[in-house]
N, C-alpha and C. Protein backbone atom coordinates (compact mmCIF):
# COMPACT_ATOMS: atom_id res chain seq x y z
N UNK A 1 -34.76 67.86 137.31
CA UNK A 1 -33.83 68.42 138.52
C UNK A 1 -33.33 70.09 138.43
N UNK A 2 -33.64 70.56 139.31
CA UNK A 2 -33.63 71.86 139.93
C UNK A 2 -32.32 72.50 140.03
N UNK A 3 -31.93 73.63 139.10
CA UNK A 3 -30.66 73.99 139.16
C UNK A 3 -30.29 75.28 139.56
N UNK A 4 -29.29 76.35 139.60
CA UNK A 4 -29.31 77.48 140.03
C UNK A 4 -29.91 78.68 139.12
N UNK A 5 -29.99 78.27 138.26
CA UNK A 5 -30.68 79.13 137.40
C UNK A 5 -32.04 79.07 137.27
N UNK A 6 -32.38 77.87 137.65
CA UNK A 6 -33.81 77.58 138.02
C UNK A 6 -34.34 78.27 138.98
N UNK A 7 -33.28 78.47 140.43
CA UNK A 7 -33.36 78.98 141.95
C UNK A 7 -33.70 80.42 141.42
N UNK A 8 -33.03 81.03 140.59
CA UNK A 8 -32.45 82.28 140.48
C UNK A 8 -34.08 83.04 139.88
N UNK A 9 -34.62 82.18 138.99
CA UNK A 9 -36.11 82.42 138.28
C UNK A 9 -37.30 82.41 139.47
N UNK A 10 -36.88 81.36 140.01
CA UNK A 10 -38.08 80.86 141.15
C UNK A 10 -38.26 81.93 142.26
N UNK A 11 -36.93 82.84 142.71
CA UNK A 11 -36.80 83.81 143.61
C UNK A 11 -37.75 84.72 142.92
N UNK A 12 -37.38 85.10 141.63
CA UNK A 12 -38.25 86.34 141.00
C UNK A 12 -39.62 85.90 141.24
N UNK A 13 -40.22 85.03 140.87
CA UNK A 13 -41.56 84.48 141.16
C UNK A 13 -42.06 84.96 142.51
N UNK A 14 -41.28 84.52 143.70
CA UNK A 14 -41.46 84.94 144.84
C UNK A 14 -41.42 86.41 145.24
N UNK A 15 -40.44 86.97 144.65
CA UNK A 15 -40.90 88.97 144.35
C UNK A 15 -41.94 89.06 144.24
N UNK A 16 -42.52 88.68 142.80
CA UNK A 16 -43.55 88.68 142.22
C UNK A 16 -45.10 88.50 142.91
N UNK A 17 -44.86 87.24 143.84
CA UNK A 17 -45.84 86.92 144.98
C UNK A 17 -45.95 88.04 145.61
N UNK A 18 -44.65 88.36 146.09
CA UNK A 18 -44.81 89.55 147.44
C UNK A 18 -45.61 91.12 146.72
N UNK A 19 -44.91 91.03 145.43
CA UNK A 19 -45.77 92.53 144.94
C UNK A 19 -47.59 92.50 144.70
N UNK A 20 -47.91 91.22 144.42
CA UNK A 20 -49.67 90.77 144.74
C UNK A 20 -49.71 91.23 145.76
N UNK A 21 -48.99 90.36 146.83
CA UNK A 21 -49.57 90.71 148.20
C UNK A 21 -49.67 91.88 148.87
N UNK A 22 -48.66 93.00 148.31
CA UNK A 22 -48.78 94.18 149.01
C UNK A 22 -49.80 94.86 148.23
N UNK A 23 -50.27 94.43 147.02
CA UNK A 23 -51.43 94.95 146.35
C UNK A 23 -52.72 94.40 146.61
N UNK A 24 -53.10 93.61 147.99
CA UNK A 24 -53.98 93.13 148.26
C UNK A 24 -54.72 91.94 147.48
N UNK A 25 -53.61 91.13 146.98
CA UNK A 25 -54.05 90.20 146.22
C UNK A 25 -53.43 88.85 146.85
N UNK A 26 -53.46 87.75 146.70
CA UNK A 26 -53.24 86.14 146.26
C UNK A 26 -51.86 86.16 145.91
N UNK A 27 -51.08 85.62 147.06
CA UNK A 27 -49.33 85.68 146.47
C UNK A 27 -49.17 84.81 145.53
N UNK A 28 -49.25 85.29 144.24
CA UNK A 28 -48.95 83.95 143.38
C UNK A 28 -48.00 84.78 142.32
N UNK A 29 -46.56 84.75 141.92
CA UNK A 29 -46.15 85.25 141.16
C UNK A 29 -45.61 84.61 139.66
N UNK A 30 -45.23 84.25 138.18
CA UNK A 30 -44.60 83.73 137.26
C UNK A 30 -43.59 84.75 136.67
N UNK A 31 -42.91 83.87 135.99
CA UNK A 31 -41.89 84.22 135.06
C UNK A 31 -41.74 83.14 133.82
N UNK A 32 -41.83 83.71 132.66
CA UNK A 32 -41.63 82.92 131.43
C UNK A 32 -40.49 83.29 130.53
N UNK A 33 -39.34 82.08 130.31
CA UNK A 33 -38.34 82.43 130.08
C UNK A 33 -38.03 81.27 128.83
N UNK A 34 -37.23 82.05 127.87
CA UNK A 34 -36.74 81.61 126.70
C UNK A 34 -35.89 80.48 126.63
N UNK A 35 -35.83 79.94 125.82
CA UNK A 35 -34.55 78.48 125.65
C UNK A 35 -33.23 78.93 125.95
N UNK A 36 -33.33 80.25 125.60
CA UNK A 36 -31.60 81.03 125.96
C UNK A 36 -31.28 81.68 126.85
N UNK A 37 -32.58 81.50 127.85
CA UNK A 37 -32.67 82.14 129.39
C UNK A 37 -32.64 83.48 129.24
N UNK A 38 -33.70 84.19 128.19
CA UNK A 38 -34.50 85.65 128.33
C UNK A 38 -35.51 85.63 129.02
N UNK A 39 -35.48 86.80 129.87
CA UNK A 39 -37.10 86.38 130.53
C UNK A 39 -37.70 87.25 129.74
N UNK A 40 -39.29 86.82 128.79
CA UNK A 40 -39.48 87.41 127.83
C UNK A 40 -41.01 87.64 128.74
N UNK A 41 -41.61 87.66 129.76
CA UNK A 41 -42.64 88.08 130.12
C UNK A 41 -42.81 87.64 131.71
N UNK A 42 -43.13 88.40 132.58
CA UNK A 42 -43.66 88.11 134.07
C UNK A 42 -44.91 88.58 134.51
N UNK A 43 -45.48 88.38 135.75
CA UNK A 43 -46.79 88.83 136.01
C UNK A 43 -46.68 88.24 137.48
N UNK A 44 -48.31 88.88 138.19
CA UNK A 44 -48.28 88.69 139.58
C UNK A 44 -49.97 88.28 139.45
N UNK A 45 -50.81 87.54 140.56
CA UNK A 45 -51.74 87.55 140.38
C UNK A 45 -52.66 88.67 140.48
N UNK A 46 -53.78 88.58 139.95
CA UNK A 46 -54.59 89.82 139.71
C UNK A 46 -56.04 89.45 140.04
N UNK A 47 -56.34 88.94 140.92
CA UNK A 47 -57.90 88.37 141.10
C UNK A 47 -58.55 89.09 142.34
N UNK A 48 -58.08 89.86 142.66
CA UNK A 48 -58.50 90.78 143.98
C UNK A 48 -59.77 91.74 143.55
N UNK A 49 -59.74 91.85 141.93
CA UNK A 49 -61.09 92.80 141.45
C UNK A 49 -61.94 91.58 141.14
N UNK A 50 -62.09 90.59 141.37
CA UNK A 50 -63.23 89.55 141.12
C UNK A 50 -63.09 88.63 140.30
N UNK A 51 -62.29 88.94 138.97
CA UNK A 51 -62.00 87.88 138.41
C UNK A 51 -61.01 87.06 138.21
N UNK A 52 -61.39 85.70 138.95
CA UNK A 52 -60.55 84.60 139.31
C UNK A 52 -59.78 83.89 138.01
N UNK A 53 -59.85 84.61 137.07
CA UNK A 53 -59.34 83.92 136.20
C UNK A 53 -58.03 84.31 135.75
N UNK A 54 -57.67 85.71 136.42
CA UNK A 54 -56.34 86.57 136.49
C UNK A 54 -55.35 86.51 137.01
N UNK A 55 -54.89 85.09 136.81
CA UNK A 55 -53.82 83.99 137.00
C UNK A 55 -52.66 84.16 136.42
N UNK A 56 -51.69 84.50 137.06
CA UNK A 56 -50.29 85.01 136.25
C UNK A 56 -49.95 84.01 135.08
N UNK A 57 -50.06 82.84 135.40
CA UNK A 57 -49.48 81.43 134.78
C UNK A 57 -50.70 81.44 133.42
N UNK A 58 -51.98 82.18 132.93
CA UNK A 58 -52.71 82.12 132.27
C UNK A 58 -52.69 83.23 131.70
N UNK A 59 -51.92 84.65 132.08
CA UNK A 59 -51.35 85.53 131.42
C UNK A 59 -50.70 84.99 130.39
N UNK A 60 -49.36 84.63 131.13
CA UNK A 60 -48.49 84.03 130.25
C UNK A 60 -48.59 83.53 129.17
N UNK A 61 -49.60 82.28 129.65
CA UNK A 61 -49.46 81.63 127.95
C UNK A 61 -50.45 82.33 127.01
N UNK A 62 -51.30 83.16 127.51
CA UNK A 62 -52.03 84.38 126.36
C UNK A 62 -50.71 85.03 125.86
N UNK A 63 -49.91 85.22 126.37
CA UNK A 63 -49.41 86.18 125.98
C UNK A 63 -48.03 86.00 125.14
N UNK A 64 -47.83 84.11 125.47
CA UNK A 64 -46.91 83.41 124.50
C UNK A 64 -47.50 82.84 123.42
N UNK A 65 -49.07 83.08 123.31
CA UNK A 65 -49.57 82.83 122.39
C UNK A 65 -49.90 83.95 120.96
N UNK A 66 -49.47 84.96 121.95
CA UNK A 66 -49.67 85.96 120.88
C UNK A 66 -48.26 86.34 120.67
N UNK A 67 -47.25 86.29 120.94
CA UNK A 67 -46.25 87.16 120.54
C UNK A 67 -44.98 85.92 120.21
N UNK A 68 -45.25 84.32 120.61
CA UNK A 68 -43.89 83.50 119.87
C UNK A 68 -44.88 82.46 119.00
N UNK A 69 -43.79 81.92 118.45
CA UNK A 69 -43.88 80.93 117.85
C UNK A 69 -43.96 79.39 118.37
N UNK A 70 -45.02 78.64 117.37
CA UNK A 70 -44.99 77.24 118.46
C UNK A 70 -43.97 76.54 119.33
N UNK A 71 -42.53 76.87 118.08
CA UNK A 71 -41.33 75.92 118.47
C UNK A 71 -40.61 77.05 119.49
N UNK A 72 -40.95 78.54 119.42
CA UNK A 72 -40.44 79.34 120.76
C UNK A 72 -41.23 79.10 121.85
N UNK A 73 -42.54 78.66 122.28
CA UNK A 73 -43.52 78.57 123.22
C UNK A 73 -43.05 76.95 123.84
N UNK A 74 -42.50 75.97 122.92
CA UNK A 74 -42.36 74.70 123.00
C UNK A 74 -40.99 74.40 124.20
N UNK A 75 -40.01 75.77 123.76
CA UNK A 75 -38.85 75.65 124.29
C UNK A 75 -38.89 76.50 125.58
N UNK A 76 -39.34 76.92 125.57
CA UNK A 76 -39.84 78.07 126.69
C UNK A 76 -40.26 77.51 127.87
N UNK A 77 -39.78 78.34 129.17
CA UNK A 77 -39.94 77.46 130.95
C UNK A 77 -40.68 78.56 131.85
N UNK A 78 -41.92 78.07 132.16
CA UNK A 78 -42.60 78.75 132.85
C UNK A 78 -42.15 78.50 134.26
N UNK A 79 -41.97 79.78 134.98
CA UNK A 79 -41.50 79.13 136.58
C UNK A 79 -42.88 80.06 137.34
N UNK A 80 -43.07 79.53 138.39
CA UNK A 80 -44.07 79.90 139.00
C UNK A 80 -43.82 79.71 140.75
N UNK A 81 -44.71 80.73 141.12
CA UNK A 81 -44.50 80.41 143.05
C UNK A 81 -45.06 79.39 143.51
N UNK A 82 -46.34 79.18 142.95
CA UNK A 82 -47.06 77.82 143.07
C UNK A 82 -47.67 77.00 141.61
N UNK A 83 -47.41 75.66 142.39
CA UNK A 83 -47.76 74.28 140.70
C UNK A 83 -49.22 75.35 140.31
N UNK A 84 -49.26 75.04 138.83
CA UNK A 84 -50.34 75.75 138.04
C UNK A 84 -51.79 74.82 138.61
N UNK A 85 -52.81 76.05 138.85
CA UNK A 85 -54.15 75.60 138.62
C UNK A 85 -54.59 74.50 137.68
N UNK A 86 -55.60 73.89 137.53
CA UNK A 86 -56.32 72.92 136.30
C UNK A 86 -56.07 74.17 135.21
N UNK A 87 -56.57 75.17 135.83
CA UNK A 87 -57.21 75.99 134.80
C UNK A 87 -55.69 76.64 133.75
N UNK A 88 -54.76 76.98 134.63
CA UNK A 88 -53.69 77.30 134.23
C UNK A 88 -52.78 76.19 133.57
N UNK A 89 -52.82 75.43 134.10
CA UNK A 89 -52.01 73.83 133.45
C UNK A 89 -52.75 73.81 131.65
N UNK A 90 -54.15 74.22 131.80
CA UNK A 90 -54.96 73.54 130.48
C UNK A 90 -54.18 74.50 130.03
N UNK A 91 -54.20 75.76 130.07
CA UNK A 91 -54.18 76.92 129.13
C UNK A 91 -52.37 76.78 128.33
N UNK A 92 -51.21 76.11 129.54
CA UNK A 92 -50.00 75.94 129.17
C UNK A 92 -49.78 74.50 127.89
N UNK A 93 -50.70 73.96 128.33
CA UNK A 93 -50.86 73.10 127.63
C UNK A 93 -51.81 73.00 126.04
N UNK A 94 -52.66 73.91 126.22
CA UNK A 94 -53.25 74.46 125.07
C UNK A 94 -52.11 75.08 124.05
N UNK A 95 -51.14 76.27 124.66
CA UNK A 95 -50.71 76.85 123.69
C UNK A 95 -48.83 76.34 123.43
N UNK A 96 -48.88 75.31 124.28
CA UNK A 96 -47.59 74.39 123.85
C UNK A 96 -46.53 74.78 124.42
N UNK A 97 -46.71 75.40 125.67
CA UNK A 97 -45.54 75.93 126.28
C UNK A 97 -44.84 74.28 126.89
N UNK A 98 -43.43 74.76 127.13
CA UNK A 98 -42.50 73.67 127.71
C UNK A 98 -42.52 73.55 128.75
N UNK A 99 -41.41 73.50 129.62
CA UNK A 99 -41.43 73.18 131.06
C UNK A 99 -41.97 74.22 132.08
N UNK A 100 -42.27 73.01 133.13
CA UNK A 100 -42.53 74.02 134.23
C UNK A 100 -42.04 73.82 135.51
N UNK A 101 -41.60 75.10 136.36
CA UNK A 101 -40.88 74.72 137.37
C UNK A 101 -41.45 75.62 138.46
N UNK A 102 -41.93 75.21 139.88
CA UNK A 102 -42.71 75.19 140.83
C UNK A 102 -42.08 75.61 141.98
N UNK A 103 -42.13 76.72 143.16
CA UNK A 103 -41.55 76.48 144.33
C UNK A 103 -42.42 75.47 144.89
N UNK A 104 -43.70 75.56 145.42
CA UNK A 104 -44.52 75.19 145.91
C UNK A 104 -45.89 74.41 145.22
N UNK A 105 -46.45 73.19 145.83
CA UNK A 105 -47.04 72.36 145.10
C UNK A 105 -48.53 72.61 145.58
N UNK A 106 -49.53 72.23 144.56
CA UNK A 106 -50.80 72.44 144.83
C UNK A 106 -51.14 71.37 146.35
N UNK A 107 -50.79 70.04 146.27
CA UNK A 107 -50.83 69.63 147.84
C UNK A 107 -50.34 70.35 148.96
N UNK A 108 -49.17 71.23 148.61
CA UNK A 108 -48.80 72.10 149.68
C UNK A 108 -49.90 72.78 150.23
N UNK A 109 -50.29 73.91 148.99
CA UNK A 109 -51.55 74.57 149.07
C UNK A 109 -52.71 74.32 150.04
N UNK A 110 -53.12 73.15 149.67
CA UNK A 110 -54.43 72.89 150.00
C UNK A 110 -53.92 72.24 151.75
N UNK A 111 -53.19 72.02 151.92
CA UNK A 111 -52.74 71.68 153.37
C UNK A 111 -52.35 72.76 154.36
N UNK A 112 -52.01 73.93 153.41
CA UNK A 112 -51.64 74.99 154.49
C UNK A 112 -52.94 75.66 154.43
N UNK A 113 -53.82 76.10 153.53
CA UNK A 113 -55.49 76.40 153.93
C UNK A 113 -56.23 75.64 154.76
N UNK A 114 -55.68 74.56 154.86
CA UNK A 114 -56.98 73.38 155.52
C UNK A 114 -56.38 73.89 157.19
N UNK A 115 -54.74 74.00 157.32
CA UNK A 115 -54.68 74.32 158.77
C UNK A 115 -55.09 75.41 158.99
N UNK A 116 -55.12 76.55 158.19
CA UNK A 116 -55.91 77.86 158.44
C UNK A 116 -57.44 77.89 158.54
N UNK A 117 -57.93 76.93 158.48
CA UNK A 117 -59.42 77.02 158.20
C UNK A 117 -60.00 77.73 157.27
N UNK A 118 -59.15 77.59 155.98
CA UNK A 118 -59.83 78.43 154.93
C UNK A 118 -60.48 77.50 154.07
N UNK A 119 -61.65 77.89 153.61
CA UNK A 119 -62.66 76.69 152.86
C UNK A 119 -62.25 76.67 151.34
N UNK A 120 -62.26 75.32 150.73
CA UNK A 120 -61.53 75.14 150.05
C UNK A 120 -62.28 75.76 148.34
N UNK A 121 -61.69 76.00 147.53
CA UNK A 121 -62.00 76.44 146.06
C UNK A 121 -63.02 75.50 145.51
N UNK A 122 -63.61 76.16 144.65
CA UNK A 122 -64.75 74.62 144.06
C UNK A 122 -64.28 74.40 143.02
N UNK A 123 -62.72 74.93 142.51
CA UNK A 123 -62.41 73.99 141.36
C UNK A 123 -60.95 73.27 142.22
N UNK A 124 -60.88 72.07 141.74
CA UNK A 124 -59.99 71.28 142.62
C UNK A 124 -58.70 71.38 141.99
N UNK A 125 -57.90 71.15 143.22
CA UNK A 125 -56.87 71.62 142.96
C UNK A 125 -56.07 69.99 142.47
N UNK A 126 -55.39 69.94 141.27
CA UNK A 126 -54.85 68.83 140.92
C UNK A 126 -53.39 69.07 140.08
N UNK A 127 -52.62 67.92 140.73
CA UNK A 127 -51.29 68.12 140.24
C UNK A 127 -50.97 68.21 138.41
N UNK A 128 -50.33 69.03 137.81
CA UNK A 128 -50.31 69.40 136.44
C UNK A 128 -50.09 68.21 135.95
N UNK A 129 -49.71 66.82 135.59
CA UNK A 129 -49.78 65.76 135.25
C UNK A 129 -51.22 65.42 134.94
N UNK A 130 -51.82 65.56 135.39
CA UNK A 130 -53.49 64.92 136.02
C UNK A 130 -54.24 66.08 134.66
N UNK A 131 -53.75 66.98 134.47
CA UNK A 131 -54.43 68.00 133.73
C UNK A 131 -53.60 67.84 132.03
N UNK A 132 -52.14 68.06 131.98
CA UNK A 132 -51.54 67.89 130.86
C UNK A 132 -50.54 66.60 130.82
N UNK A 133 -50.14 66.14 130.05
CA UNK A 133 -48.97 65.02 129.46
C UNK A 133 -48.36 65.64 128.60
N UNK A 134 -46.97 65.05 128.86
CA UNK A 134 -45.89 65.31 128.04
C UNK A 134 -45.37 66.55 128.53
N UNK A 135 -44.99 66.78 129.54
CA UNK A 135 -44.43 68.34 129.78
C UNK A 135 -43.78 67.95 131.01
N UNK A 136 -42.49 68.38 130.70
CA UNK A 136 -41.19 68.50 132.12
C UNK A 136 -41.78 69.10 132.90
N UNK A 137 -41.92 68.64 134.35
CA UNK A 137 -42.42 69.51 135.49
C UNK A 137 -41.50 69.43 136.72
N UNK A 138 -41.02 70.27 137.31
CA UNK A 138 -40.10 70.36 138.24
C UNK A 138 -40.31 71.37 139.54
N UNK A 139 -40.23 70.44 140.61
CA UNK A 139 -40.99 71.22 141.98
C UNK A 139 -41.40 69.91 142.87
N UNK A 140 -41.97 70.40 143.74
CA UNK A 140 -41.86 71.76 144.87
C UNK A 140 -40.38 71.87 145.34
N UNK A 141 -40.01 72.85 145.57
CA UNK A 141 -38.70 73.43 145.83
C UNK A 141 -38.78 73.68 147.53
N UNK A 142 -38.61 72.80 148.30
CA UNK A 142 -38.43 72.97 149.96
C UNK A 142 -37.42 74.19 150.55
N UNK A 143 -36.82 74.53 149.86
CA UNK A 143 -35.99 75.39 150.66
C UNK A 143 -36.56 76.57 150.11
N UNK A 144 -37.68 76.90 149.25
CA UNK A 144 -38.73 77.85 148.98
C UNK A 144 -39.85 78.07 149.02
N UNK A 145 -40.66 77.09 149.53
CA UNK A 145 -41.85 76.67 149.63
C UNK A 145 -42.28 76.97 151.02
N UNK A 146 -41.27 77.33 151.92
CA UNK A 146 -41.61 78.01 152.99
C UNK A 146 -41.97 79.42 152.90
N UNK A 147 -41.26 79.99 152.25
CA UNK A 147 -41.42 81.53 151.83
C UNK A 147 -42.80 81.74 151.56
N UNK A 148 -43.14 80.68 150.32
CA UNK A 148 -44.75 80.94 149.84
C UNK A 148 -45.52 80.51 150.87
N UNK A 149 -45.33 79.48 151.70
CA UNK A 149 -46.39 79.36 153.11
C UNK A 149 -46.44 80.88 153.69
N UNK A 150 -45.39 81.07 153.76
CA UNK A 150 -45.21 82.83 154.63
C UNK A 150 -46.28 83.45 154.11
N UNK A 151 -46.11 83.70 152.97
CA UNK A 151 -46.96 84.78 152.16
C UNK A 151 -48.29 84.12 152.30
N UNK A 152 -48.96 83.29 152.07
CA UNK A 152 -50.31 82.66 152.08
C UNK A 152 -50.66 83.27 153.48
N UNK A 153 -49.70 82.84 154.70
CA UNK A 153 -50.34 82.82 156.00
C UNK A 153 -50.39 84.66 156.16
N UNK A 154 -49.61 85.49 155.72
CA UNK A 154 -49.90 86.64 155.60
C UNK A 154 -51.06 87.24 154.78
N UNK A 155 -51.87 86.83 153.83
CA UNK A 155 -52.59 86.95 153.14
C UNK A 155 -54.10 86.22 153.80
N UNK A 156 -54.17 85.57 154.40
CA UNK A 156 -55.34 85.01 155.00
C UNK A 156 -55.30 85.81 156.80
N UNK A 157 -54.39 86.23 157.02
CA UNK A 157 -54.81 86.99 158.08
C UNK A 157 -55.33 88.29 158.31
N UNK A 158 -55.36 88.81 157.01
CA UNK A 158 -56.43 90.10 156.87
C UNK A 158 -57.78 89.88 156.88
């Protein structure tokens, strides 16, 4: 279930996705929040330079491994504008992060890209639960997904 606190953090993810877009990057943003509600780290997509592993969810997983105990990681929540790709879901699972909440799903992204005539990625879009198990996942959030859709339209109009 998505609550008001979740919506607040997801809206920040959308702000970070807009920052990525303004910098010429794909519009994705993510926030890592502790069990007590403190924002620990945040990032946006940085793949425009050619390294397509520079996803914010992957960066937050690595940050958490370097800065948090296993227990702190397991109780943290990752908020993100778009559902984790398989690489990011695996990183999330490997470092033992807790809950994931996303505004738009991989399924929605695939549909949007198809509608725009964008060639699909070589990496399959899989739901998080097909990559990792025993993770609480919330999303998509319909009232926010359309904002993400608009950001992707802006990115691919270029």
